[in-house]
C-alpha atoms as a PDB file:
ATOM      1  CA  MET A   1     -27.232   7.398  -6.021  1.00  0.00           C
ATOM      2  CA  THR A   2     -28.720   4.056  -5.288  1.00  0.00           C
ATOM      3  CA  GLY A   3     -26.144   2.555  -7.031  1.00  0.00           C
ATOM      4  CA  LEU A   4     -23.894   3.269  -3.797  1.00  0.00           C
ATOM      5  CA  ALA A   5     -26.274   1.608  -1.374  1.00  0.00           C
ATOM      6  CA  GLY A   6     -24.669  -0.881   0.637  1.00  0.00           C
ATOM      7  CA  THR A   7     -21.043   0.419  -0.310  1.00  0.00           C
ATOM      8  CA  ARG A   8     -19.119   1.222   2.417  1.00  0.00           C
ATOM      9  CA  LEU A   9     -17.217   4.647   2.157  1.00  0.00           C
ATOM     10  CA  GLY A  10     -13.899   5.730   3.981  1.00  0.00           C
ATOM     11  CA  VAL A  11     -11.870   8.821   3.864  1.00  0.00           C
ATOM     12  CA  LEU A  12      -7.926   9.347   3.733  1.00  0.00           C
ATOM     13  CA  LEU A  13      -6.509  11.781   6.030  1.00  0.00           C
ATOM     14  CA  PRO A  14      -4.395  14.677   4.931  1.00  0.00           C
ATOM     15  CA  THR A  15      -1.284  13.899   6.522  1.00  0.00           C
ATOM     16  CA  ASN A  16       1.101  15.491   4.095  1.00  0.00           C
ATOM     17  CA  ALA A  17       2.922  18.319   6.136  1.00  0.00           C
ATOM     18  CA  SER A  18       1.563  21.025   3.302  1.00  0.00           C
ATOM     19  CA  GLN A  19      -1.846  20.112   4.286  1.00  0.00           C
ATOM     20  CA  TRP A  20      -1.740  20.996   7.799  1.00  0.00           C
ATOM     21  CA  ALA A  21      -0.320  23.895  10.162  1.00  0.00           C
ATOM     22  CA  ASP A  22      -1.197  21.925  13.241  1.00  0.00           C
ATOM     23  CA  ALA A  23      -1.175  18.374  13.184  1.00  0.00           C
ATOM     24  CA  ARG A  24      -3.277  17.642  16.064  1.00  0.00           C
ATOM     25  CA  ARG A  25      -6.267  18.729  13.752  1.00  0.00           C
ATOM     26  CA  LEU A  26      -5.908  15.576  12.126  1.00  0.00           C
ATOM     27  CA  VAL A  27      -7.308  13.763  14.976  1.00  0.00           C
ATOM     28  CA  GLU A  28     -10.291  16.365  14.582  1.00  0.00           C
ATOM     29  CA  VAL A  29     -10.867  15.115  10.990  1.00  0.00           C
ATOM     30  CA  GLY A  30     -10.955  11.706  11.693  1.00  0.00           C
ATOM     31  CA  VAL A  31     -13.304  12.080  14.518  1.00  0.00           C
ATOM     32  CA  HIS A  32     -15.400  14.376  12.438  1.00  0.00           C
ATOM     33  CA  ALA A  33     -15.554  11.553   9.740  1.00  0.00           C
ATOM     34  CA  GLU A  34     -17.010   9.067  12.168  1.00  0.00           C
ATOM     35  CA  ARG A  35     -19.766  11.593  13.165  1.00  0.00           C
ATOM     36  CA  LEU A  36     -20.644  12.083   9.499  1.00  0.00           C
ATOM     37  CA  GLY A  37     -20.895   8.460   9.214  1.00  0.00           C
ATOM     38  CA  PHE A  38     -18.270   7.491   7.205  1.00  0.00           C
ATOM     39  CA  ASP A  39     -17.109   3.867   7.593  1.00  0.00           C
ATOM     40  CA  SER A  40     -13.478   4.181   7.711  1.00  0.00           C
ATOM     41  CA  VAL A  41     -10.671   6.621   8.234  1.00  0.00           C
ATOM     42  CA  TRP A  42      -7.063   5.784   6.331  1.00  0.00           C
ATOM     43  CA  VAL A  43      -3.634   6.972   6.330  1.00  0.00           C
ATOM     44  CA  ASN A  44      -0.929   6.689   3.695  1.00  0.00           C
ATOM     45  CA  ASP A  45       2.819   5.881   3.820  1.00  0.00           C
ATOM     46  CA  THR A  46       5.845   7.406   1.987  1.00  0.00           C
ATOM     47  CA  LEU A  47       9.296   8.754   2.701  1.00  0.00           C
ATOM     48  CA  LEU A  48       9.225  11.086  -0.115  1.00  0.00           C
ATOM     49  CA  GLY A  49       8.332  14.495   1.969  1.00  0.00           C
ATOM     50  CA  ALA A  50       7.513  15.540   5.433  1.00  0.00           C
ATOM     51  CA  ARG A  51       4.184  13.955   6.948  1.00  0.00           C
ATOM     52  CA  ILE A  52       2.918  12.071   9.927  1.00  0.00           C
ATOM     53  CA  GLU A  53       3.972   8.651  10.341  1.00  0.00           C
ATOM     54  CA  PRO A  54       0.760   6.552   9.775  1.00  0.00           C
ATOM     55  CA  LEU A  55       1.017   4.067  12.533  1.00  0.00           C
ATOM     56  CA  ALA A  56       1.507   7.085  15.014  1.00  0.00           C
ATOM     57  CA  MET A  57      -1.547   8.621  13.469  1.00  0.00           C
ATOM     58  CA  LEU A  58      -3.540   5.653  13.817  1.00  0.00           C
ATOM     59  CA  ALA A  59      -2.514   5.141  17.541  1.00  0.00           C
ATOM     60  CA  ALA A  60      -3.715   8.664  18.046  1.00  0.00           C
ATOM     61  CA  LEU A  61      -7.001   8.516  16.738  1.00  0.00           C
ATOM     62  CA  ALA A  62      -7.949   4.693  18.084  1.00  0.00           C
ATOM     63  CA  PRO A  63      -8.919   6.123  21.622  1.00  0.00           C
ATOM     64  CA  MET A  64     -10.808   9.215  20.127  1.00  0.00           C
ATOM     65  CA  THR A  65     -13.062   6.987  17.804  1.00  0.00           C
ATOM     66  CA  GLU A  66     -15.481   4.058  18.499  1.00  0.00           C
ATOM     67  CA  ARG A  67     -16.894   2.707  15.486  1.00  0.00           C
ATOM     68  CA  VAL A  68     -14.790   3.604  12.237  1.00  0.00           C
ATOM     69  CA  THR A  69     -12.413   1.163  10.693  1.00  0.00           C
ATOM     70  CA  LEU A  70      -8.856   2.386  11.023  1.00  0.00           C
ATOM     71  CA  GLY A  71      -6.641   1.659   7.915  1.00  0.00           C
ATOM     72  CA  THR A  72      -3.453   2.084   5.831  1.00  0.00           C
ATOM     73  CA  ALA A  73      -3.794   2.692   2.250  1.00  0.00           C
ATOM     74  CA  ALA A  74      -1.371   1.956   1.745  1.00  0.00           C
ATOM     75  CA  LEU A  75       1.521   0.839   4.229  1.00  0.00           C
ATOM     76  CA  LEU A  76       4.825   0.073   2.725  1.00  0.00           C
ATOM     77  CA  PRO A  77       6.504  -2.579   5.035  1.00  0.00           C
ATOM     78  CA  ALA A  78      10.010  -2.299   3.893  1.00  0.00           C
ATOM     79  CA  PHE A  79      10.478   0.762   5.206  1.00  0.00           C
ATOM     80  CA  ARG A  80      10.008  -0.967   8.823  1.00  0.00           C
ATOM     81  CA  ARG A  81      11.838  -3.814  10.784  1.00  0.00           C
ATOM     82  CA  PRO A  82       9.450  -6.460  10.321  1.00  0.00           C
ATOM     83  CA  VAL A  83       9.397  -7.848  13.807  1.00  0.00           C
ATOM     84  CA  THR A  84       9.161  -4.091  15.312  1.00  0.00           C
ATOM     85  CA  ALA A  85       6.392  -3.380  12.775  1.00  0.00           C
ATOM     86  CA  ALA A  86       4.351  -6.480  13.793  1.00  0.00           C
ATOM     87  CA  GLN A  87       4.310  -5.206  17.265  1.00  0.00           C
ATOM     88  CA  GLU A  88       3.231  -1.583  16.215  1.00  0.00           C
ATOM     89  CA  LEU A  89       0.416  -3.113  14.285  1.00  0.00           C
ATOM     90  CA  ALA A  90      -0.687  -5.221  16.997  1.00  0.00           C
ATOM     91  CA  SER A  91      -0.787  -2.424  19.418  1.00  0.00           C
ATOM     92  CA  VAL A  92      -2.953  -0.216  17.225  1.00  0.00           C
ATOM     93  CA  ASP A  93      -5.288  -3.332  16.829  1.00  0.00           C
ATOM     94  CA  HIS A  94      -5.346  -3.460  20.685  1.00  0.00           C
ATOM     95  CA  LEU A  95      -5.820   0.506  20.980  1.00  0.00           C
ATOM     96  CA  SER A  96      -8.575   0.477  18.498  1.00  0.00           C
ATOM     97  CA  ALA A  97     -10.268  -2.919  19.869  1.00  0.00           C
ATOM     98  CA  GLY A  98      -9.916  -4.590  16.830  1.00  0.00           C
ATOM     99  CA  ARG A  99     -10.706  -2.050  14.058  1.00  0.00           C
ATOM    100  CA  LEU A 100      -7.537  -2.110  12.091  1.00  0.00           C
ATOM    101  CA  VAL A 101      -6.920  -2.860   8.428  1.00  0.00           C
ATOM    102  CA  VAL A 102      -3.646  -3.039   6.898  1.00  0.00           C
ATOM    103  CA  ALA A 103      -3.540  -2.445   3.095  1.00  0.00           C
ATOM    104  CA  VAL A 104       0.247  -3.118   2.017  1.00  0.00           C
ATOM    105  CA  GLY A 105       2.212  -2.543  -0.975  1.00  0.00           C
ATOM    106  CA  ALA A 106       5.627  -2.991  -2.414  1.00  0.00           C
ATOM    107  CA  GLY A 107       6.253   0.550  -4.057  1.00  0.00           C
ATOM    108  CA  PHE A 108       6.280   2.216  -7.503  1.00  0.00           C
ATOM    109  CA  PRO A 109       9.130   1.782  -9.991  1.00  0.00           C
ATOM    110  CA  GLY A 110      10.783   5.074 -10.799  1.00  0.00           C
ATOM    111  CA  ARG A 111       9.515   6.566  -7.614  1.00  0.00           C
ATOM    112  CA  SER A 112      10.080   4.359  -4.561  1.00  0.00           C
ATOM    113  CA  GLU A 113      13.658   3.116  -5.223  1.00  0.00           C
ATOM    114  CA  PRO A 114      15.404   5.977  -2.955  1.00  0.00           C
ATOM    115  CA  GLU A 115      12.769   5.023  -0.255  1.00  0.00           C
ATOM    116  CA  TYR A 116      14.167   1.517  -0.159  1.00  0.00           C
ATOM    117  CA  ALA A 117      17.887   2.642  -0.244  1.00  0.00           C
ATOM    118  CA  VAL A 118      17.474   5.003   2.601  1.00  0.00           C
ATOM    119  CA  SER A 119      15.565   2.031   4.308  1.00  0.00           C
ATOM    120  CA  GLU A 120      18.520  -0.292   3.526  1.00  0.00           C
ATOM    121  CA  VAL A 121      16.355  -2.729   1.834  1.00  0.00           C
ATOM    122  CA  PRO A 122      17.092  -3.991  -1.579  1.00  0.00           C
ATOM    123  CA  TRP A 123      14.579  -3.264  -4.124  1.00  0.00           C
ATOM    124  CA  GLN A 124      15.302  -6.578  -5.649  1.00  0.00           C
ATOM    125  CA  ARG A 125      12.691  -9.309  -4.733  1.00  0.00           C
ATOM    126  CA  ARG A 126      10.468  -6.605  -3.130  1.00  0.00           C
ATOM    127  CA  PHE A 127       7.406  -8.864  -3.706  1.00  0.00           C
ATOM    128  CA  ALA A 128       8.728 -11.867  -2.040  1.00  0.00           C
ATOM    129  CA  ARG A 129       9.899  -9.820   0.838  1.00  0.00           C
ATOM    130  CA  LEU A 130       6.401  -8.201   1.194  1.00  0.00           C
ATOM    131  CA  ASP A 131       4.572 -11.508   1.095  1.00  0.00           C
ATOM    132  CA  ASP A 132       7.468 -13.021   3.698  1.00  0.00           C
ATOM    133  CA  THR A 133       6.903  -9.998   5.903  1.00  0.00           C
ATOM    134  CA  VAL A 134       2.893 -10.424   5.806  1.00  0.00           C
ATOM    135  CA  ALA A 135       3.437 -13.982   6.880  1.00  0.00           C
ATOM    136  CA  LEU A 136       5.986 -13.056   9.809  1.00  0.00           C
ATOM    137  CA  TRP A 137       3.430 -11.036  11.169  1.00  0.00           C
ATOM    138  CA  ARG A 138       0.853 -13.363  11.070  1.00  0.00           C
ATOM    139  CA  THR A 139       3.265 -15.946  12.758  1.00  0.00           C
ATOM    140  CA  LEU A 140       4.102 -13.479  15.428  1.00  0.00           C
ATOM    141  CA  TRP A 141       0.775 -12.288  16.280  1.00  0.00           C
ATOM    142  CA  SER A 142      -0.350 -16.132  16.461  1.00  0.00           C
ATOM    143  CA  GLY A 143       2.721 -16.778  19.065  1.00  0.00           C
ATOM    144  CA  GLY A 144       5.125 -18.371  16.767  1.00  0.00           C
ATOM    145  CA  ARG A 145       8.504 -18.715  17.414  1.00  0.00           C
ATOM    146  CA  SER A 146      10.296 -19.110  14.228  1.00  0.00           C
ATOM    147  CA  PHE A 147       9.811 -18.214  10.539  1.00  0.00           C
ATOM    148  CA  HIS A 148      11.321 -19.451   7.131  1.00  0.00           C
ATOM    149  CA  GLY A 149      10.417 -17.797   4.206  1.00  0.00           C
ATOM    150  CA  ARG A 150      11.789 -17.129   0.931  1.00  0.00           C
ATOM    151  CA  VAL A 151      13.638 -13.868   1.871  1.00  0.00           C
ATOM    152  CA  LEU A 152      12.928 -13.628   5.694  1.00  0.00           C
ATOM    153  CA  ARG A 153      14.413 -16.413   7.771  1.00  0.00           C
ATOM    154  CA  LEU A 154      14.501 -16.102  11.191  1.00  0.00           C
ATOM    155  CA  ALA A 155      15.424 -19.519  13.586  1.00  0.00           C
ATOM    156  CA  GLU A 156      14.195 -17.690  16.801  1.00  0.00           C
ATOM    157  CA  LEU A 157      11.364 -14.912  17.278  1.00  0.00           C
ATOM    158  CA  PRO A 158      11.096 -13.343  20.742  1.00  0.00           C
ATOM    159  CA  GLU A 159       7.629 -13.310  22.191  1.00  0.00           C
ATOM    160  CA  SER A 160       5.604 -10.684  20.585  1.00  0.00           C
ATOM    161  CA  THR A 161       2.480  -8.949  21.332  1.00  0.00           C
ATOM    162  CA  PRO A 162      -0.475 -10.789  20.066  1.00  0.00           C
ATOM    163  CA  SER A 163      -3.072  -8.994  17.912  1.00  0.00           C
ATOM    164  CA  TYR A 164      -6.334  -8.113  19.356  1.00  0.00           C
ATOM    165  CA  ARG A 165      -8.165 -10.625  17.040  1.00  0.00           C
ATOM    166  CA  PRO A 166      -6.964 -14.299  16.603  1.00  0.00           C
ATOM    167  CA  GLY A 167      -5.121 -14.452  13.506  1.00  0.00           C
ATOM    168  CA  GLY A 168      -4.448 -10.658  13.352  1.00  0.00           C
ATOM    169  CA  PRO A 169      -6.248  -7.689  11.463  1.00  0.00           C
ATOM    170  CA  PRO A 170      -7.189  -8.239   7.667  1.00  0.00           C
ATOM    171  CA  ILE A 171      -4.290  -7.729   5.330  1.00  0.00           C
ATOM    172  CA  TRP A 172      -4.958  -6.039   1.740  1.00  0.00           C
ATOM    173  CA  LEU A 173      -2.730  -5.808  -1.095  1.00  0.00           C
ATOM    174  CA  ALA A 174      -2.676  -2.735  -3.116  1.00  0.00           C
ATOM    175  CA  GLY A 175      -1.601  -3.638  -6.578  1.00  0.00           C
ATOM    176  CA  ALA A 176      -3.172  -4.543  -9.881  1.00  0.00           C
ATOM    177  CA  SER A 177      -0.310  -6.412 -11.878  1.00  0.00           C
ATOM    178  CA  PRO A 178      -0.891  -9.978 -12.945  1.00  0.00           C
ATOM    179  CA  SER A 179       1.211 -11.121 -10.277  1.00  0.00           C
ATOM    180  CA  ALA A 180      -0.548  -8.881  -7.720  1.00  0.00           C
ATOM    181  CA  LEU A 181      -3.789 -10.325  -8.663  1.00  0.00           C
ATOM    182  CA  GLU A 182      -2.795 -13.731  -8.132  1.00  0.00           C
ATOM    183  CA  ARG A 183      -1.075 -13.024  -4.817  1.00  0.00           C
ATOM    184  CA  THR A 184      -4.244 -11.116  -3.748  1.00  0.00           C
ATOM    185  CA  GLY A 185      -6.263 -14.248  -4.330  1.00  0.00           C
ATOM    186  CA  GLY A 186      -3.779 -16.628  -2.835  1.00  0.00           C
ATOM    187  CA  LEU A 187      -2.627 -14.813   0.308  1.00  0.00           C
ATOM    188  CA  TYR A 188      -4.374 -11.616   1.255  1.00  0.00           C
ATOM    189  CA  ASP A 189      -7.689 -10.552   2.598  1.00  0.00           C
ATOM    190  CA  GLY A 190      -8.550  -7.844   0.292  1.00  0.00           C
ATOM    191  CA  TRP A 191      -7.597  -6.020  -2.738  1.00  0.00           C
ATOM    192  CA  LEU A 192      -7.140  -2.276  -2.943  1.00  0.00           C
ATOM    193  CA  PRO A 193      -6.255  -1.075  -6.503  1.00  0.00           C
ATOM    194  CA  TYR A 194      -7.258   2.471  -8.342  1.00  0.00           C
ATOM    195  CA  PRO A 195      -7.826   1.377 -11.917  1.00  0.00           C
ATOM    196  CA  PRO A 196      -8.750   4.422 -13.827  1.00  0.00           C
ATOM    197  CA  GLU A 197     -11.163   2.377 -16.000  1.00  0.00           C
ATOM    198  CA  VAL A 198     -14.154   0.218 -14.717  1.00  0.00           C
ATOM    199  CA  GLY A 199     -13.214  -2.451 -17.017  1.00  0.00           C
ATOM    200  CA  GLY A 200      -9.860  -2.798 -15.373  1.00  0.00           C
ATOM    201  CA  TYR A 201     -11.551  -3.124 -12.113  1.00  0.00           C
ATOM    202  CA  ARG A 202     -13.960  -5.796 -13.222  1.00  0.00           C
ATOM    203  CA  THR A 203     -11.368  -8.034 -14.979  1.00  0.00           C
ATOM    204  CA  GLY A 204      -8.777  -7.428 -12.071  1.00  0.00           C
ATOM    205  CA  LEU A 205     -11.330  -8.395  -9.570  1.00  0.00           C
ATOM    206  CA  ALA A 206     -12.308 -11.608 -11.573  1.00  0.00           C
ATOM    207  CA  ALA A 207      -8.814 -12.786 -11.700  1.00  0.00           C
ATOM    208  CA  VAL A 208      -8.446 -12.106  -7.948  1.00  0.00           C
ATOM    209  CA  ARG A 209     -11.386 -14.544  -7.360  1.00  0.00           C
ATOM    210  CA  ARG A 210     -10.013 -17.089  -9.870  1.00  0.00           C
ATOM    211  CA  ALA A 211      -6.651 -17.252  -7.878  1.00  0.00           C
ATOM    212  CA  ALA A 212      -8.620 -17.447  -4.421  1.00  0.00           C
ATOM    213  CA  GLU A 213     -10.623 -20.395  -5.812  1.00  0.00           C
ATOM    214  CA  ALA A 214      -7.181 -22.028  -7.388  1.00  0.00           C
ATOM    215  CA  ALA A 215      -5.918 -21.687  -3.925  1.00  0.00           C
ATOM    216  CA  GLY A 216      -8.762 -23.328  -2.145  1.00  0.00           C
ATOM    217  CA  ARG A 217     -10.074 -20.168  -0.613  1.00  0.00           C
ATOM    218  CA  ASP A 218     -13.664 -18.697  -0.732  1.00  0.00           C
ATOM    219  CA  PRO A 219     -13.358 -16.096  -3.401  1.00  0.00           C
ATOM    220  CA  GLY A 220     -15.662 -14.104  -1.834  1.00  0.00           C
ATOM    221  CA  ALA A 221     -13.368 -14.224   1.631  1.00  0.00           C
ATOM    222  CA  VAL A 222     -11.443 -11.224  -0.323  1.00  0.00           C
ATOM    223  CA  THR A 223     -12.702  -7.823   0.194  1.00  0.00           C
ATOM    224  CA  ALA A 224     -13.194  -5.964  -2.989  1.00  0.00           C
ATOM    225  CA  ALA A 225     -11.962  -2.356  -2.204  1.00  0.00           C
ATOM    226  CA  LEU A 226     -10.952   0.744  -4.474  1.00  0.00           C
ATOM    227  CA  PHE A 227      -8.933   3.577  -3.846  1.00  0.00           C
ATOM    228  CA  VAL A 228      -9.971   7.004  -5.694  1.00  0.00           C
ATOM    229  CA  THR A 229      -8.838  10.505  -5.706  1.00  0.00           C
ATOM    230  CA  VAL A 230     -11.912  12.890  -5.608  1.00  0.00           C
ATOM    231  CA  LEU A 231     -12.956  16.712  -5.740  1.00  0.00           C
ATOM    232  CA  VAL A 232     -16.381  18.017  -5.200  1.00  0.00           C
ATOM    233  CA  THR A 233     -17.242  21.038  -7.066  1.00  0.00           C
ATOM    234  CA  ASP A 234     -19.769  22.679  -9.023  1.00  0.00           C
ATOM    235  CA  ASP A 235     -16.998  23.817 -11.568  1.00  0.00           C
ATOM    236  CA  PRO A 236     -15.649  20.872 -13.197  1.00  0.00           C
ATOM    237  CA  GLU A 237     -13.213  22.836 -15.299  1.00  0.00           C
ATOM    238  CA  ARG A 238     -11.848  24.246 -11.933  1.00  0.00           C
ATOM    239  CA  GLY A 239     -11.920  20.864 -10.560  1.00  0.00           C
ATOM    240  CA  GLU A 240      -9.532  19.553 -13.243  1.00  0.00           C
ATOM    241  CA  ARG A 241      -7.095  22.347 -12.686  1.00  0.00           C
ATOM    242  CA  GLU A 242      -7.090  21.663  -8.935  1.00  0.00           C
ATOM    243  CA  LEU A 243      -6.540  17.864  -9.584  1.00  0.00           C
ATOM    244  CA  SER A 244      -3.698  18.996 -11.845  1.00  0.00           C
ATOM    245  CA  ALA A 245      -2.215  20.991  -9.224  1.00  0.00           C
ATOM    246  CA  TYR A 246      -2.599  18.324  -6.689  1.00  0.00           C
ATOM    247  CA  CYS A 247      -0.818  15.848  -8.704  1.00  0.00           C
ATOM    248  CA  GLN A 248       2.076  18.158  -9.227  1.00  0.00           C
ATOM    249  CA  ALA A 249       2.381  18.712  -5.231  1.00  0.00           C
ATOM    250  CA  THR A 250       2.020  15.232  -4.473  1.00  0.00           C
ATOM    251  CA  TYR A 251       3.945  13.359  -7.125  1.00  0.00           C
ATOM    252  CA  GLY A 252       5.737  15.972  -9.179  1.00  0.00           C
ATOM    253  CA  LEU A 253       3.927  14.707 -12.278  1.00  0.00           C
ATOM    254  CA  PRO A 254       1.557  16.265 -14.639  1.00  0.00           C
ATOM    255  CA  TYR A 255      -2.166  15.507 -14.194  1.00  0.00           C
ATOM    256  CA  GLU A 256      -2.375  14.031 -17.943  1.00  0.00           C
ATOM    257  CA  LEU A 257      -0.040  11.247 -16.800  1.00  0.00           C
ATOM    258  CA  VAL A 258      -1.199  10.324 -13.385  1.00  0.00           C
ATOM    259  CA  ARG A 259      -4.845  10.070 -14.453  1.00  0.00           C
ATOM    260  CA  THR A 260      -3.906   7.341 -16.637  1.00  0.00           C
ATOM    261  CA  ILE A 261      -2.621   5.341 -13.729  1.00  0.00           C
ATOM    262  CA  GLN A 262      -4.978   6.205 -11.165  1.00  0.00           C
ATOM    263  CA  LEU A 263      -8.877   6.774 -10.869  1.00  0.00           C
ATOM    264  CA  MET A 264      -9.643  10.409 -10.118  1.00  0.00           C
ATOM    265  CA  VAL A 265     -12.830  12.236 -10.419  1.00  0.00           C
ATOM    266  CA  ALA A 266     -13.685  15.992 -10.168  1.00  0.00           C
ATOM    267  CA  GLY A 267     -17.240  17.751 -10.498  1.00  0.00           C
ATOM    268  CA  PRO A 268     -20.439  17.992  -8.756  1.00  0.00           C
ATOM    269  CA  VAL A 269     -21.527  15.489  -6.079  1.00  0.00           C
ATOM    270  CA  GLU A 270     -23.626  13.515  -8.651  1.00  0.00           C
ATOM    271  CA  ARG A 271     -20.616  13.065 -10.970  1.00  0.00           C
ATOM    272  CA  VAL A 272     -18.652  11.418  -8.182  1.00  0.00           C
ATOM    273  CA  ALA A 273     -21.500   9.317  -7.153  1.00  0.00           C
ATOM    274  CA  ALA A 274     -22.024   8.243 -10.750  1.00  0.00           C
ATOM    275  CA  THR A 275     -18.404   7.315 -11.142  1.00  0.00           C
ATOM    276  CA  LEU A 276     -18.157   5.403  -7.658  1.00  0.00           C
ATOM    277  CA  ALA A 277     -21.515   3.482  -8.815  1.00  0.00           C
ATOM    278  CA  ARG A 278     -19.893   2.155 -11.875  1.00  0.00           C
ATOM    279  CA  TYR A 279     -17.290   0.640  -9.829  1.00  0.00           C
ATOM    280  CA  ALA A 280     -19.520  -0.938  -7.331  1.00  0.00           C
ATOM    281  CA  GLU A 281     -21.585  -2.607  -9.961  1.00  0.00           C
ATOM    282  CA  ALA A 282     -18.328  -3.852 -10.869  1.00  0.00           C
ATOM    283  CA  GLY A 283     -17.813  -5.350  -7.283  1.00  0.00           C
ATOM    284  CA  ALA A 284     -16.272  -2.971  -5.252  1.00  0.00           C
ATOM    285  CA  ARG A 285     -17.583  -3.093  -1.668  1.00  0.00           C
ATOM    286  CA  HIS A 286     -15.133  -0.654   0.062  1.00  0.00           C
ATOM    287  CA  VAL A 287     -14.360   2.743  -1.432  1.00  0.00           C
ATOM    288  CA  VAL A 288     -11.471   4.642  -0.139  1.00  0.00           C
ATOM    289  CA  CYS A 289     -11.736   8.531  -0.970  1.00  0.00           C
ATOM    290  CA  ARG A 290      -8.447  10.670  -1.149  1.00  0.00           C
ATOM    291  CA  VAL A 291      -9.818  14.071  -1.357  1.00  0.00           C
ATOM    292  CA  ALA A 292      -7.589  16.305  -3.452  1.00  0.00           C
ATOM    293  CA  ALA A 293      -7.492  19.056  -0.605  1.00  0.00           C
ATOM    294  CA  SER A 294      -4.793  21.581  -0.022  1.00  0.00           C
ATOM    295  CA  SER A 295      -5.817  22.103   3.857  1.00  0.00           C
ATOM    296  CA  VAL A 296      -7.570  20.501   6.394  1.00  0.00           C
ATOM    297  CA  ASP A 297     -10.413  23.011   6.173  1.00  0.00           C
ATOM    298  CA  GLU A 298     -10.599  22.123   2.455  1.00  0.00           C
ATOM    299  CA  GLN A 299     -10.917  18.736   3.590  1.00  0.00           C
ATOM    300  CA  LEU A 300     -13.507  18.938   6.218  1.00  0.00           C
ATOM    301  CA  ARG A 301     -15.664  20.767   3.778  1.00  0.00           C
ATOM    302  CA  GLN A 302     -15.369  18.216   0.815  1.00  0.00           C
ATOM    303  CA  MET A 303     -16.326  15.468   3.748  1.00  0.00           C
ATOM    304  CA  GLU A 304     -19.614  16.839   4.005  1.00  0.00           C
ATOM    305  CA  PRO A 305     -21.238  16.123   0.319  1.00  0.00           C
ATOM    306  CA  LEU A 306     -19.150  12.889   0.101  1.00  0.00           C
ATOM    307  CA  ALA A 307     -20.606  11.339   3.383  1.00  0.00           C
ATOM    308  CA  ALA A 308     -23.943  11.659   1.831  1.00  0.00           C
ATOM    309  CA  LEU A 309     -23.180   9.253  -1.160  1.00  0.00           C
ATOM    310  CA  THR A 310     -23.970   6.100   0.691  1.00  0.00           C
ATOM    311  CA  SER A 311     -25.627   4.591   3.718  1.00  0.00           C
ATOM    312  CA  THR A 312     -23.385   4.207   6.770  1.00  0.00           C
ATOM    313  CA  GLY A 313     -22.095   0.645   7.929  1.00  0.00           C
ATOM    314  CA  THR A 314     -20.236  -0.561  11.029  1.00  0.00           C
ATOM    315  CA  ALA A 315     -16.491  -1.288  11.868  1.00  0.00           C
ATOM    316  CA  SER A 316     -17.936  -4.531  13.494  1.00  0.00           C
ATOM    317  CA  SER A 317     -19.388  -5.726   9.995  1.00  0.00           C
ATOM    318  CA  MET A 318     -15.613  -5.816   8.582  1.00  0.00           C
ATOM    319  CA  SER A 319     -14.493  -8.493  10.602  1.00  0.00           C
ATOM    320  CA  PRO A 320     -11.205 -10.362   9.677  1.00  0.00           C
ATOM    321  CA  ARG A 321     -11.118 -12.990   6.861  1.00  0.00           C
ATOM    322  CA  THR A 322     -14.672 -12.218   5.453  1.00  0.00           C
ATOM    323  CA  GLY A 323     -15.525 -10.543   2.075  1.00  0.00           C
ATOM    324  CA  SER A 324     -17.323  -7.766   3.614  1.00  0.00           C
END
C-alpha cells in the first residue's frame, strides 16, 4: 500500500435520508472519521431526494472536530442566492477556524434541469453563472462593494461576513469536460473529478496544469483531487451487486452505465488500495471516498479498513491557494 503514502484521504458522509434514522448520528460519523485519522470529511448536494443540507451539516461538524478539513463534494451554487451563500460559507469557515474547502459544480445534463427549475435559475449559461458566483464570493469575502461579471452584475453589495482566511477558502471545480479543465486551471484552486479510467485522470490533470500555466499561474497551485465510490468486501461478486443496488438507489440508473462515467471499486481492501494507488501515481494528492453504504452503521464499519490505506495528514497542510 506504499503507493498511497502521502496521499490525503477523505470520506463522504451518508446524508441521504435513506441512510440514517437519526440525523444527529452523522455528526458521530464525522467525529469518528477524525479519530480514525482521515484527513477530511465531505458532504454532497442535491435537491433530488430528502437529505441533510450540506452547509448545515458542516456547521454542525465544525465545533465538534478540530483537525479534519470540512468540504463540499460538490456544492451546486445555483441552488442558493449567491450573496447569502457567501455569508453561509464564510460562517462555516469561521466556525471551523479555516478548515473549509468548497468544491463546486454546475450539475448534470439529464438530471439537474429540474433542480435548476425549482431554484428559479436558468439552465442556460450555467457555467458562466458558476464562475461568476465564485468570483462574487471572493469579492464579498475580501470586502468588495460591487461586482460586474458575465451573468451576475451587482452595482452595490452590502457589507458581508469576511472569510476566516484572507481571500476565502479554497474553491475546487468538480468537472472533467474540456471547458472545465481549462476553467479549473485558470480560475480554481483545485480539481475534483471522478474519471473511471486512470488514463483519463492523467490527461485531464495535464490539461489543467497547461491551462494554469497559460493563465500565468503556478500549475502546482491547483490541488489534484479525486472522487471515488468504494465498497470494501472480501466477496467481490457481492460487492458488485451492492454497487449495482447503490446506483439504482442513488441515481435510478443501472450500474453498468454509472461505472462508465464514475470511478467505482468494490472488493478486498488490497484491491481498493491498488486502484487508488494508480490514481495517486497519475497525480492525485487528495482522495474523497464515497462509501456505498446503505446505513450509518455500515458506513462506520467501512471506514475502519479505509482509514488504514494511507498515512494521516493535517488540515493545516491544506492551506488555501496551494497545490497540496
